[in-house]
Amino acid sequence: MVIKTPNDPVALALAALAETLADERRAQRFLELTGIGTDELRSTASDPSLLAALLRFLEGYEPDLLSVAEALGVPAPTLVEARRQLEDQ
């Protein structure tokens, strides 16, 4: 999935969330580390703080960050910048 709006931090983070959840191992780690349930995830998926937490999670393990960035067709630093912008909202 190549993201068509890499300058929109919310769109980019939502695409990263979808990509994270598509990988069972990565999704399980994210859900376990955050303690968020699937119902809560559905209701808060567009919350900037949740999206920033997801990007921070990806930053914490470089192979995941690089894998998601590649899948989205953006450089990894673009995901890091999106997290910074979301945290500033």
Protein backbone atom coordinates (compact mmCIF):
# COMPACT_ATOMS: atom_id res chain seq x y z
CA MET A 1 0.00 0.00 0.00
CA VAL A 2 1.71 3.20 -1.13
CA ILE A 3 0.42 6.25 0.74
CA LYS A 4 -0.67 9.02 -1.58
CA THR A 5 -0.60 11.82 1.01
CA PRO A 6 2.72 11.44 2.86
CA ASN A 7 2.55 15.06 4.06
CA ASP A 8 -0.63 14.44 6.07
CA PRO A 9 0.51 12.98 9.39
CA VAL A 10 -2.92 11.53 10.23
CA ALA A 11 -3.29 9.80 6.86
CA LEU A 12 0.26 8.50 7.07
CA ALA A 13 -0.20 7.22 10.63
CA LEU A 14 -3.52 5.56 9.73
CA ALA A 15 -1.81 3.79 6.84
CA ALA A 16 0.98 2.75 9.23
CA LEU A 17 -1.65 1.45 11.66
CA ALA A 18 -3.27 -0.62 8.91
CA GLU A 19 0.12 -1.99 7.88
CA THR A 20 0.99 -2.77 11.52
CA LEU A 21 -2.28 -4.63 12.08
CA ALA A 22 -1.81 -6.60 8.87
CA ASP A 23 1.27 -8.25 10.37
CA GLU A 24 0.10 -10.61 13.12
CA ARG A 25 3.36 -10.55 15.12
CA ARG A 26 3.66 -6.77 14.99
CA ALA A 27 -0.03 -6.27 15.77
CA GLN A 28 0.15 -8.56 18.79
CA ARG A 29 3.19 -6.75 20.17
CA PHE A 30 1.54 -3.36 19.66
CA LEU A 31 -1.67 -4.44 21.39
CA GLU A 32 0.23 -6.05 24.26
CA LEU A 33 2.56 -3.10 24.81
CA THR A 34 -0.18 -0.49 24.71
CA GLY A 35 -2.77 -2.53 26.58
CA ILE A 36 -5.39 -1.34 24.14
CA GLY A 37 -8.17 -3.72 23.19
CA THR A 38 -9.47 -4.19 19.69
CA ASP A 39 -12.80 -2.46 20.47
CA GLU A 40 -11.01 0.53 21.96
CA LEU A 41 -8.65 0.57 19.00
CA ARG A 42 -11.58 0.76 16.59
CA SER A 43 -13.14 3.69 18.45
CA THR A 44 -9.91 5.68 18.86
CA ALA A 45 -8.06 4.81 15.65
CA SER A 46 -7.96 8.40 14.44
CA ASP A 47 -6.94 9.91 17.80
CA PRO A 48 -3.64 11.79 17.29
CA SER A 49 -2.23 10.50 20.59
CA LEU A 50 -2.90 6.88 19.63
CA LEU A 51 -1.42 7.43 16.17
CA ALA A 52 1.66 9.07 17.69
CA ALA A 53 1.99 6.11 20.08
CA LEU A 54 1.84 3.71 17.15
CA LEU A 55 4.59 5.57 15.31
CA ARG A 56 6.66 5.71 18.51
CA PHE A 57 6.15 1.93 18.80
CA LEU A 58 7.50 1.48 15.27
CA GLU A 59 10.47 3.74 16.05
CA GLY A 60 11.30 1.49 18.99
CA TYR A 61 12.18 -1.41 16.70
CA GLU A 62 13.97 -0.28 13.56
CA PRO A 63 13.15 -3.37 11.46
CA ASP A 64 9.42 -2.66 11.95
CA LEU A 65 9.88 1.03 11.19
CA LEU A 66 11.76 0.25 7.99
CA SER A 67 9.32 -2.45 6.95
CA VAL A 68 6.27 -0.23 7.39
CA ALA A 69 7.97 2.72 5.71
CA GLU A 70 8.89 0.55 2.73
CA ALA A 71 5.36 -0.85 2.49
CA LEU A 72 3.97 2.70 2.49
CA GLY A 73 6.54 3.92 -0.01
CA VAL A 74 7.95 6.64 2.24
CA PRO A 75 11.35 7.15 3.88
CA ALA A 76 11.46 6.12 7.55
CA PRO A 77 12.21 9.70 8.67
CA THR A 78 8.83 10.70 7.23
CA LEU A 79 7.14 8.45 9.81
CA VAL A 80 9.25 9.98 12.57
CA GLU A 81 8.29 13.49 11.45
CA ALA A 82 4.62 12.48 11.32
CA ARG A 83 4.88 11.35 14.95
CA ARG A 84 6.36 14.70 15.96
CA GLN A 85 3.57 16.56 14.18
CA LEU A 86 0.91 14.39 15.83
CA GLU A 87 2.44 14.98 19.27
CA ASP A 88 2.30 18.73 18.66
CA GLN A 89 -1.45 18.67 17.92
